[in-house]
Structure formats: C-alpha cells, structure tokens
Amino acid sequence: MKTILLAIAFLLTLGSNSSRALPPPEDIPEEILRTEIILSGRSPIDGIALSPAEYAELQARLQERGFEPDLNPDVKQIIFLLQVRKMIKTFTGITINP
C-alpha cells in the first residue's frame, strides 16, 4: 500500500514539474520564425540598415571582389601549421602541445 501511494505521489510531482518546462503561450515557435521573410538587412561592413535591393547590390559587389587580402608570410605559415596540427589531431587523436 505504501509503495502504491509513493508511486502516485511521485507521478503527481513529475507531472506538475513538466508543465513548467513549456514556453509561455505568447512565445512564437521557432518553426514559424524560420519561415518568416526578412525584408530588411544590415550591411556586413558597417551595420547600417539596408533595403532588400541595396542589400542584394552590396552582396553582389562583395562577391565580385573575390580577392584574398595579402597576409604576412609568417601569418600564412602559422595558419598552415595550425591546419596540419588539426588534421593530425583528427586522425590520430594525439594532442600536440606547442
């Protein structure tokens, strides 16, 4: 008899806690937010608000540039060595300390 009452009490407390985990009713579900069309954009350069046409024009101009900035050869070497280190760690699992 005690075990039955204990099980019922446990189930009642479990049910009341799960209702607290639900979001508030006024919260918009993420699935709906993902389908909304955003009509304004921000410039990735300076963060000012842009209309859709201005944003598309800016994106086209940024893609046309297409050149990589010049880096110091020492920086390029460090980036290459970090990529090699990451590849070795991925395949072997060995951590390489500098």
Protein backbone atom coordinates (compact mmCIF):
# COMPACT_ATOMS: atom_id res chain seq x y z
CA MET A 1 0.00 0.00 0.00
CA LYS A 2 2.84 2.36 0.85
CA THR A 3 4.54 1.70 -2.47
CA ILE A 4 1.35 2.48 -4.41
CA LEU A 5 0.89 5.77 -2.56
CA LEU A 6 4.56 6.60 -3.07
CA ALA A 7 4.30 5.85 -6.80
CA ILE A 8 1.17 8.04 -7.14
CA ALA A 9 2.85 10.90 -5.26
CA PHE A 10 5.92 10.60 -7.50
CA LEU A 11 3.82 10.67 -10.67
CA LEU A 12 1.88 13.71 -9.45
CA THR A 13 5.05 15.66 -8.72
CA LEU A 14 6.57 14.60 -12.02
CA GLY A 15 3.55 15.84 -13.96
CA SER A 16 3.47 19.24 -12.28
CA ASN A 17 7.18 19.90 -13.00
CA SER A 18 6.90 19.07 -16.69
CA SER A 19 4.28 21.78 -17.23
CA ARG A 20 6.78 24.39 -16.03
CA ALA A 21 9.17 23.47 -18.82
CA LEU A 22 6.78 24.61 -21.54
CA PRO A 23 7.34 28.04 -23.11
CA PRO A 24 4.83 30.80 -22.40
CA PRO A 25 1.81 30.82 -24.74
CA GLU A 26 2.74 34.22 -26.24
CA ASP A 27 6.14 32.90 -27.36
CA ILE A 28 6.34 32.40 -31.16
CA PRO A 29 7.56 28.89 -32.11
CA GLU A 30 10.96 28.66 -33.80
CA GLU A 31 9.47 26.84 -36.80
CA ILE A 32 7.33 29.88 -37.60
CA LEU A 33 10.20 32.31 -37.08
CA ARG A 34 12.36 30.36 -39.55
CA THR A 35 9.75 30.74 -42.31
CA GLU A 36 9.37 34.50 -41.93
CA ILE A 37 10.77 36.57 -44.77
CA ILE A 38 13.10 39.28 -43.54
CA LEU A 39 12.60 42.45 -45.55
CA SER A 40 15.43 44.49 -44.09
CA GLY A 41 19.08 43.73 -43.87
CA ARG A 42 22.19 45.12 -42.29
CA SER A 43 25.42 45.85 -44.03
CA PRO A 44 28.15 43.36 -43.08
CA ILE A 45 30.67 46.19 -43.45
CA ASP A 46 29.33 48.88 -41.12
CA GLY A 47 25.99 47.54 -39.82
CA ILE A 48 23.69 50.21 -41.28
CA ALA A 49 20.13 49.22 -42.25
CA LEU A 50 19.62 48.47 -45.94
CA SER A 51 16.62 47.84 -48.15
CA PRO A 52 16.45 44.44 -49.91
CA ALA A 53 17.66 45.95 -53.20
CA GLU A 54 20.58 47.72 -51.54
CA TYR A 55 21.49 44.56 -49.64
CA ALA A 56 21.45 42.44 -52.83
CA GLU A 57 23.59 45.04 -54.61
CA LEU A 58 26.11 45.11 -51.76
CA GLN A 59 26.31 41.30 -51.68
CA ALA A 60 26.92 41.23 -55.45
CA ARG A 61 29.70 43.82 -55.15
CA LEU A 62 31.32 41.91 -52.29
CA GLN A 63 31.28 38.66 -54.29
CA GLU A 64 32.76 40.37 -57.36
CA ARG A 65 35.82 41.49 -55.42
CA GLY A 66 36.88 37.88 -54.97
CA PHE A 67 40.50 38.54 -53.98
CA GLU A 68 42.04 37.42 -50.76
CA PRO A 69 43.73 40.03 -48.64
CA ASP A 70 47.51 39.96 -48.55
CA LEU A 71 48.80 38.34 -45.40
CA ASN A 72 52.20 38.42 -43.89
CA PRO A 73 54.07 35.20 -44.91
CA ASP A 74 54.64 34.41 -41.23
CA VAL A 75 50.89 34.51 -40.61
CA LYS A 76 50.29 32.25 -43.62
CA GLN A 77 52.86 29.79 -42.25
CA ILE A 78 51.21 29.76 -38.81
CA ILE A 79 47.78 29.17 -40.36
CA PHE A 80 49.17 26.28 -42.41
CA LEU A 81 50.82 24.71 -39.36
CA LEU A 82 47.61 25.03 -37.34
CA GLN A 83 45.68 23.29 -40.12
CA VAL A 84 48.25 20.47 -40.22
CA ARG A 85 48.07 20.18 -36.42
CA LYS A 86 44.27 19.96 -36.56
CA MET A 87 44.44 17.25 -39.26
CA ILE A 88 46.92 15.19 -37.23
CA LYS A 89 44.75 15.52 -34.13
CA THR A 90 41.66 14.46 -36.13
CA PHE A 91 43.23 11.29 -37.49
CA THR A 92 45.33 10.20 -34.55
CA GLY A 93 43.71 11.79 -31.51
CA ILE A 94 47.15 12.86 -30.30
CA THR A 95 47.33 16.32 -28.81
CA ILE A 96 50.37 18.27 -29.99
CA ASN A 97 51.49 20.88 -27.49
CA PRO A 98 53.45 23.84 -28.84
